[in-house]
Amino acid sequence: MENTNDYGWGLGSVVAMLLVVVAMLFVPLGMGMLAPPSIPMILVIPVLLVVMFIFMCHNSNSNP
């Protein structure tokens, strides 16, 4: 894994990705009955994605 820090995909990124995969596999097993999401919950997901996109664009290094 040479030059992993140059591209931002280091050990911390790999561990975070593995934690997300494990959570996606095992968290649904502990859930009860599902109900349709409420309107505020439907709006939270796109708002979070837009905020993350703006944050990542603002903090990216465009000039290496």
PDB file of N, CA and C in Angstrom:
ATOM      1  N   MET A   1       0.848  -1.184   0.000  1.00  0.00           N
ATOM      2  CA  MET A   1       0.000   0.000   0.000  1.00  0.00           C
ATOM      3  C   MET A   1       0.890   1.243   0.000  1.00  0.00           C
ATOM      4  N   GLU A   2       1.606   1.389  -1.073  1.00  0.00           N
ATOM      5  CA  GLU A   2       2.540   2.493  -1.205  1.00  0.00           C
ATOM      6  C   GLU A   2       1.811   3.753  -1.667  1.00  0.00           C
ATOM      7  N   ASN A   3       2.172   4.889  -1.117  1.00  0.00           N
ATOM      8  CA  ASN A   3       1.584   6.184  -1.466  1.00  0.00           C
ATOM      9  C   ASN A   3       0.080   6.243  -1.204  1.00  0.00           C
ATOM     10  N   THR A   4      -0.381   5.591  -0.170  1.00  0.00           N
ATOM     11  CA  THR A   4      -1.818   5.617   0.120  1.00  0.00           C
ATOM     12  C   THR A   4      -2.257   6.968   0.639  1.00  0.00           C
ATOM     13  N   ASN A   5      -1.375   7.680   1.323  1.00  0.00           N
ATOM     14  CA  ASN A   5      -1.757   8.981   1.862  1.00  0.00           C
ATOM     15  C   ASN A   5      -1.843  10.050   0.785  1.00  0.00           C
ATOM     16  N   ASP A   6      -1.233   9.819  -0.371  1.00  0.00           N
ATOM     17  CA  ASP A   6      -1.320  10.789  -1.462  1.00  0.00           C
ATOM     18  C   ASP A   6      -2.740  10.901  -1.995  1.00  0.00           C
ATOM     19  N   TYR A   7      -3.486   9.829  -1.915  1.00  0.00           N
ATOM     20  CA  TYR A   7      -4.831   9.812  -2.469  1.00  0.00           C
ATOM     21  C   TYR A   7      -5.914   9.819  -1.402  1.00  0.00           C
ATOM     22  N   GLY A   8      -5.541   9.860  -0.130  1.00  0.00           N
ATOM     23  CA  GLY A   8      -6.527   9.919   0.940  1.00  0.00           C
ATOM     24  C   GLY A   8      -7.149   8.586   1.285  1.00  0.00           C
ATOM     25  N   TRP A   9      -6.606   7.488   0.824  1.00  0.00           N
ATOM     26  CA  TRP A   9      -7.184   6.171   1.086  1.00  0.00           C
ATOM     27  C   TRP A   9      -6.174   5.379   1.907  1.00  0.00           C
ATOM     28  N   GLY A  10      -6.066   5.740   3.188  1.00  0.00           N
ATOM     29  CA  GLY A  10      -5.103   5.099   4.066  1.00  0.00           C
ATOM     30  C   GLY A  10      -5.755   4.055   4.946  1.00  0.00           C
ATOM     31  N   LEU A  11      -5.082   3.721   6.017  1.00  0.00           N
ATOM     32  CA  LEU A  11      -5.570   2.695   6.933  1.00  0.00           C
ATOM     33  C   LEU A  11      -6.880   3.115   7.590  1.00  0.00           C
ATOM     34  N   GLY A  12      -7.003   4.371   7.959  1.00  0.00           N
ATOM     35  CA  GLY A  12      -8.241   4.846   8.576  1.00  0.00           C
ATOM     36  C   GLY A  12      -9.430   4.731   7.643  1.00  0.00           C
ATOM     37  N   SER A  13      -9.227   4.999   6.361  1.00  0.00           N
ATOM     38  CA  SER A  13     -10.309   4.882   5.386  1.00  0.00           C
ATOM     39  C   SER A  13     -10.736   3.429   5.212  1.00  0.00           C
ATOM     40  N   VAL A  14      -9.776   2.528   5.207  1.00  0.00           N
ATOM     41  CA  VAL A  14     -10.097   1.101   5.070  1.00  0.00           C
ATOM     42  C   VAL A  14     -10.878   0.619   6.281  1.00  0.00           C
ATOM     43  N   VAL A  15     -10.467   1.012   7.474  1.00  0.00           N
ATOM     44  CA  VAL A  15     -11.171   0.610   8.695  1.00  0.00           C
ATOM     45  C   VAL A  15     -12.578   1.187   8.707  1.00  0.00           C
ATOM     46  N   ALA A  16     -12.730   2.450   8.311  1.00  0.00           N
ATOM     47  CA  ALA A  16     -14.061   3.062   8.268  1.00  0.00           C
ATOM     48  C   ALA A  16     -14.958   2.332   7.281  1.00  0.00           C
ATOM     49  N   MET A  17     -14.436   1.965   6.116  1.00  0.00           N
ATOM     50  CA  MET A  17     -15.226   1.244   5.120  1.00  0.00           C
ATOM     51  C   MET A  17     -15.637  -0.125   5.649  1.00  0.00           C
ATOM     52  N   LEU A  18     -14.744  -0.819   6.323  1.00  0.00           N
ATOM     53  CA  LEU A  18     -15.087  -2.120   6.887  1.00  0.00           C
ATOM     54  C   LEU A  18     -16.154  -1.995   7.969  1.00  0.00           C
ATOM     55  N   LEU A  19     -16.080  -0.950   8.790  1.00  0.00           N
ATOM     56  CA  LEU A  19     -17.106  -0.738   9.815  1.00  0.00           C
ATOM     57  C   LEU A  19     -18.468  -0.469   9.188  1.00  0.00           C
ATOM     58  N   VAL A  20     -18.500   0.290   8.112  1.00  0.00           N
ATOM     59  CA  VAL A  20     -19.768   0.562   7.425  1.00  0.00           C
ATOM     60  C   VAL A  20     -20.337  -0.722   6.833  1.00  0.00           C
ATOM     61  N   VAL A  21     -19.489  -1.537   6.228  1.00  0.00           N
ATOM     62  CA  VAL A  21     -19.957  -2.798   5.637  1.00  0.00           C
ATOM     63  C   VAL A  21     -20.504  -3.725   6.712  1.00  0.00           C
ATOM     64  N   VAL A  22     -19.799  -3.847   7.828  1.00  0.00           N
ATOM     65  CA  VAL A  22     -20.267  -4.702   8.923  1.00  0.00           C
ATOM     66  C   VAL A  22     -21.586  -4.182   9.479  1.00  0.00           C
ATOM     67  N   ALA A  23     -21.705  -2.864   9.629  1.00  0.00           N
ATOM     68  CA  ALA A  23     -22.954  -2.289  10.131  1.00  0.00           C
ATOM     69  C   ALA A  23     -24.097  -2.553   9.163  1.00  0.00           C
ATOM     70  N   MET A  24     -23.838  -2.432   7.860  1.00  0.00           N
ATOM     71  CA  MET A  24     -24.897  -2.672   6.876  1.00  0.00           C
ATOM     72  C   MET A  24     -25.332  -4.133   6.862  1.00  0.00           C
ATOM     73  N   LEU A  25     -24.427  -5.028   7.202  1.00  0.00           N
ATOM     74  CA  LEU A  25     -24.775  -6.446   7.213  1.00  0.00           C
ATOM     75  C   LEU A  25     -25.522  -6.857   8.477  1.00  0.00           C
ATOM     76  N   PHE A  26     -25.127  -6.333   9.637  1.00  0.00           N
ATOM     77  CA  PHE A  26     -25.644  -6.859  10.892  1.00  0.00           C
ATOM     78  C   PHE A  26     -26.670  -5.989  11.597  1.00  0.00           C
ATOM     79  N   VAL A  27     -26.715  -4.695  11.335  1.00  0.00           N
ATOM     80  CA  VAL A  27     -27.705  -3.836  11.998  1.00  0.00           C
ATOM     81  C   VAL A  27     -29.133  -4.221  11.616  1.00  0.00           C
ATOM     82  N   PRO A  28     -29.425  -4.549  10.354  1.00  0.00           N
ATOM     83  CA  PRO A  28     -30.805  -4.933  10.027  1.00  0.00           C
ATOM     84  C   PRO A  28     -31.294  -6.187  10.753  1.00  0.00           C
ATOM     85  N   LEU A  29     -30.378  -7.029  11.203  1.00  0.00           N
ATOM     86  CA  LEU A  29     -30.795  -8.235  11.916  1.00  0.00           C
ATOM     87  C   LEU A  29     -31.420  -7.903  13.262  1.00  0.00           C
ATOM     88  N   GLY A  30     -31.067  -6.779  13.856  1.00  0.00           N
ATOM     89  CA  GLY A  30     -31.605  -6.395  15.153  1.00  0.00           C
ATOM     90  C   GLY A  30     -32.828  -5.503  15.073  1.00  0.00           C
ATOM     91  N   MET A  31     -33.268  -5.192  13.860  1.00  0.00           N
ATOM     92  CA  MET A  31     -34.411  -4.293  13.709  1.00  0.00           C
ATOM     93  C   MET A  31     -35.722  -5.057  13.872  1.00  0.00           C
ATOM     94  N   GLY A  32     -36.729  -4.343  14.311  1.00  0.00           N
ATOM     95  CA  GLY A  32     -38.059  -4.920  14.434  1.00  0.00           C
ATOM     96  C   GLY A  32     -38.839  -4.738  13.142  1.00  0.00           C
ATOM     97  N   MET A  33     -40.151  -4.562  13.309  1.00  0.00           N
ATOM     98  CA  MET A  33     -41.015  -4.365  12.154  1.00  0.00           C
ATOM     99  C   MET A  33     -40.711  -3.014  11.509  1.00  0.00           C
ATOM    100  N   LEU A  34     -40.785  -2.977  10.198  1.00  0.00           N
ATOM    101  CA  LEU A  34     -40.504  -1.749   9.472  1.00  0.00           C
ATOM    102  C   LEU A  34     -41.782  -0.967   9.229  1.00  0.00           C
ATOM    103  N   ALA A  35     -41.665   0.338   9.244  1.00  0.00           N
ATOM    104  CA  ALA A  35     -42.780   1.230   8.941  1.00  0.00           C
ATOM    105  C   ALA A  35     -42.296   2.228   7.896  1.00  0.00           C
ATOM    106  N   PRO A  36     -43.213   2.814   7.150  1.00  0.00           N
ATOM    107  CA  PRO A  36     -42.773   3.810   6.172  1.00  0.00           C
ATOM    108  C   PRO A  36     -42.127   5.009   6.868  1.00  0.00           C
ATOM    109  N   PRO A  37     -41.112   5.596   6.265  1.00  0.00           N
ATOM    110  CA  PRO A  37     -40.451   6.739   6.901  1.00  0.00           C
ATOM    111  C   PRO A  37     -41.346   7.973   6.893  1.00  0.00           C
ATOM    112  N   SER A  38     -41.141   8.813   7.885  1.00  0.00           N
ATOM    113  CA  SER A  38     -41.902  10.055   7.945  1.00  0.00           C
ATOM    114  C   SER A  38     -41.308  11.063   6.962  1.00  0.00           C
ATOM    115  N   ILE A  39     -42.057  12.122   6.696  1.00  0.00           N
ATOM    116  CA  ILE A  39     -41.602  13.147   5.749  1.00  0.00           C
ATOM    117  C   ILE A  39     -40.289  13.804   6.206  1.00  0.00           C
ATOM    118  N   PRO A  40     -40.133  14.176   7.493  1.00  0.00           N
ATOM    119  CA  PRO A  40     -38.835  14.759   7.884  1.00  0.00           C
ATOM    120  C   PRO A  40     -37.665  13.800   7.679  1.00  0.00           C
ATOM    121  N   MET A  41     -37.879  12.515   7.905  1.00  0.00           N
ATOM    122  CA  MET A  41     -36.799  11.553   7.712  1.00  0.00           C
ATOM    123  C   MET A  41     -36.453  11.415   6.228  1.00  0.00           C
ATOM    124  N   ILE A  42     -37.450  11.521   5.371  1.00  0.00           N
ATOM    125  CA  ILE A  42     -37.184  11.466   3.932  1.00  0.00           C
ATOM    126  C   ILE A  42     -36.348  12.671   3.506  1.00  0.00           C
ATOM    127  N   LEU A  43     -36.564  13.817   4.132  1.00  0.00           N
ATOM    128  CA  LEU A  43     -35.828  15.029   3.773  1.00  0.00           C
ATOM    129  C   LEU A  43     -34.432  15.079   4.386  1.00  0.00           C
ATOM    130  N   VAL A  44     -34.202  14.350   5.464  1.00  0.00           N
ATOM    131  CA  VAL A  44     -32.901  14.392   6.139  1.00  0.00           C
ATOM    132  C   VAL A  44     -31.805  13.815   5.247  1.00  0.00           C
ATOM    133  N   ILE A  45     -32.081  12.733   4.559  1.00  0.00           N
ATOM    134  CA  ILE A  45     -31.051  12.049   3.773  1.00  0.00           C
ATOM    135  C   ILE A  45     -30.512  12.936   2.644  1.00  0.00           C
ATOM    136  N   PRO A  46     -31.374  13.532   1.792  1.00  0.00           N
ATOM    137  CA  PRO A  46     -30.799  14.398   0.748  1.00  0.00           C
ATOM    138  C   PRO A  46     -30.092  15.630   1.308  1.00  0.00           C
ATOM    139  N   VAL A  47     -30.596  16.178   2.401  1.00  0.00           N
ATOM    140  CA  VAL A  47     -29.945  17.349   2.997  1.00  0.00           C
ATOM    141  C   VAL A  47     -28.552  16.970   3.494  1.00  0.00           C
ATOM    142  N   LEU A  48     -28.422  15.822   4.156  1.00  0.00           N
ATOM    143  CA  LEU A  48     -27.104  15.381   4.618  1.00  0.00           C
ATOM    144  C   LEU A  48     -26.155  15.131   3.451  1.00  0.00           C
ATOM    145  N   LEU A  49     -26.665  14.543   2.378  1.00  0.00           N
ATOM    146  CA  LEU A  49     -25.814  14.298   1.219  1.00  0.00           C
ATOM    147  C   LEU A  49     -25.329  15.602   0.593  1.00  0.00           C
ATOM    148  N   VAL A  50     -26.205  16.599   0.503  1.00  0.00           N
ATOM    149  CA  VAL A  50     -25.809  17.892  -0.059  1.00  0.00           C
ATOM    150  C   VAL A  50     -24.783  18.572   0.844  1.00  0.00           C
ATOM    151  N   VAL A  51     -24.999  18.517   2.154  1.00  0.00           N
ATOM    152  CA  VAL A  51     -24.050  19.128   3.090  1.00  0.00           C
ATOM    153  C   VAL A  51     -22.690  18.441   2.989  1.00  0.00           C
ATOM    154  N   MET A  52     -22.686  17.115   2.906  1.00  0.00           N
ATOM    155  CA  MET A  52     -21.419  16.392   2.771  1.00  0.00           C
ATOM    156  C   MET A  52     -20.723  16.744   1.460  1.00  0.00           C
ATOM    157  N   PHE A  53     -21.492  16.861   0.380  1.00  0.00           N
ATOM    158  CA  PHE A  53     -20.912  17.206  -0.919  1.00  0.00           C
ATOM    159  C   PHE A  53     -20.281  18.593  -0.888  1.00  0.00           C
ATOM    160  N   ILE A  54     -20.996  19.565  -0.318  1.00  0.00           N
ATOM    161  CA  ILE A  54     -20.462  20.926  -0.224  1.00  0.00           C
ATOM    162  C   ILE A  54     -19.215  20.951   0.656  1.00  0.00           C
ATOM    163  N   PHE A  55     -19.256  20.234   1.785  1.00  0.00           N
ATOM    164  CA  PHE A  55     -18.101  20.172   2.682  1.00  0.00           C
ATOM    165  C   PHE A  55     -16.888  19.574   1.977  1.00  0.00           C
ATOM    166  N   MET A  56     -17.110  18.480   1.243  1.00  0.00           N
ATOM    167  CA  MET A  56     -16.000  17.825   0.563  1.00  0.00           C
ATOM    168  C   MET A  56     -15.448  18.690  -0.569  1.00  0.00           C
ATOM    169  N   CYS A  57     -16.317  19.378  -1.294  1.00  0.00           N
ATOM    170  CA  CYS A  57     -15.844  20.272  -2.360  1.00  0.00           C
ATOM    171  C   CYS A  57     -15.078  21.454  -1.777  1.00  0.00           C
ATOM    172  N   HIS A  58     -15.563  21.969  -0.680  1.00  0.00           N
ATOM    173  CA  HIS A  58     -14.922  23.135  -0.064  1.00  0.00           C
ATOM    174  C   HIS A  58     -13.546  22.785   0.501  1.00  0.00           C
ATOM    175  N   ASN A  59     -13.394  21.586   1.047  1.00  0.00           N
ATOM    176  CA  ASN A  59     -12.145  21.204   1.707  1.00  0.00           C
ATOM    177  C   ASN A  59     -11.203  20.379   0.846  1.00  0.00           C
ATOM    178  N   SER A  60     -11.564  20.143  -0.400  1.00  0.00           N
ATOM    179  CA  SER A  60     -10.669  19.358  -1.251  1.00  0.00           C
ATOM    180  C   SER A  60      -9.488  20.213  -1.688  1.00  0.00           C
ATOM    181  N   ASN A  61      -8.401  19.557  -1.944  1.00  0.00           N
ATOM    182  CA  ASN A  61      -7.191  20.252  -2.393  1.00  0.00           C
ATOM    183  C   ASN A  61      -7.195  20.292  -3.912  1.00  0.00           C
ATOM    184  N   SER A  62      -7.605  21.402  -4.477  1.00  0.00           N
ATOM    185  CA  SER A  62      -7.616  21.507  -5.933  1.00  0.00           C
ATOM    186  C   SER A  62      -6.233  21.824  -6.485  1.00  0.00           C
ATOM    187  N   ASN A  63      -5.373  22.425  -5.671  1.00  0.00           N
ATOM    188  CA  ASN A  63      -4.003  22.731  -6.086  1.00  0.00           C
ATOM    189  C   ASN A  63      -3.025  21.899  -5.258  1.00  0.00           C
ATOM    190  N   PRO A  64      -2.478  20.826  -5.857  1.00  0.00           N
ATOM    191  CA  PRO A  64      -1.566  19.962  -5.076  1.00  0.00           C
ATOM    192  C   PRO A  64      -0.257  20.597  -4.752  1.00  0.00           C
TER     193      PRO A  64
END
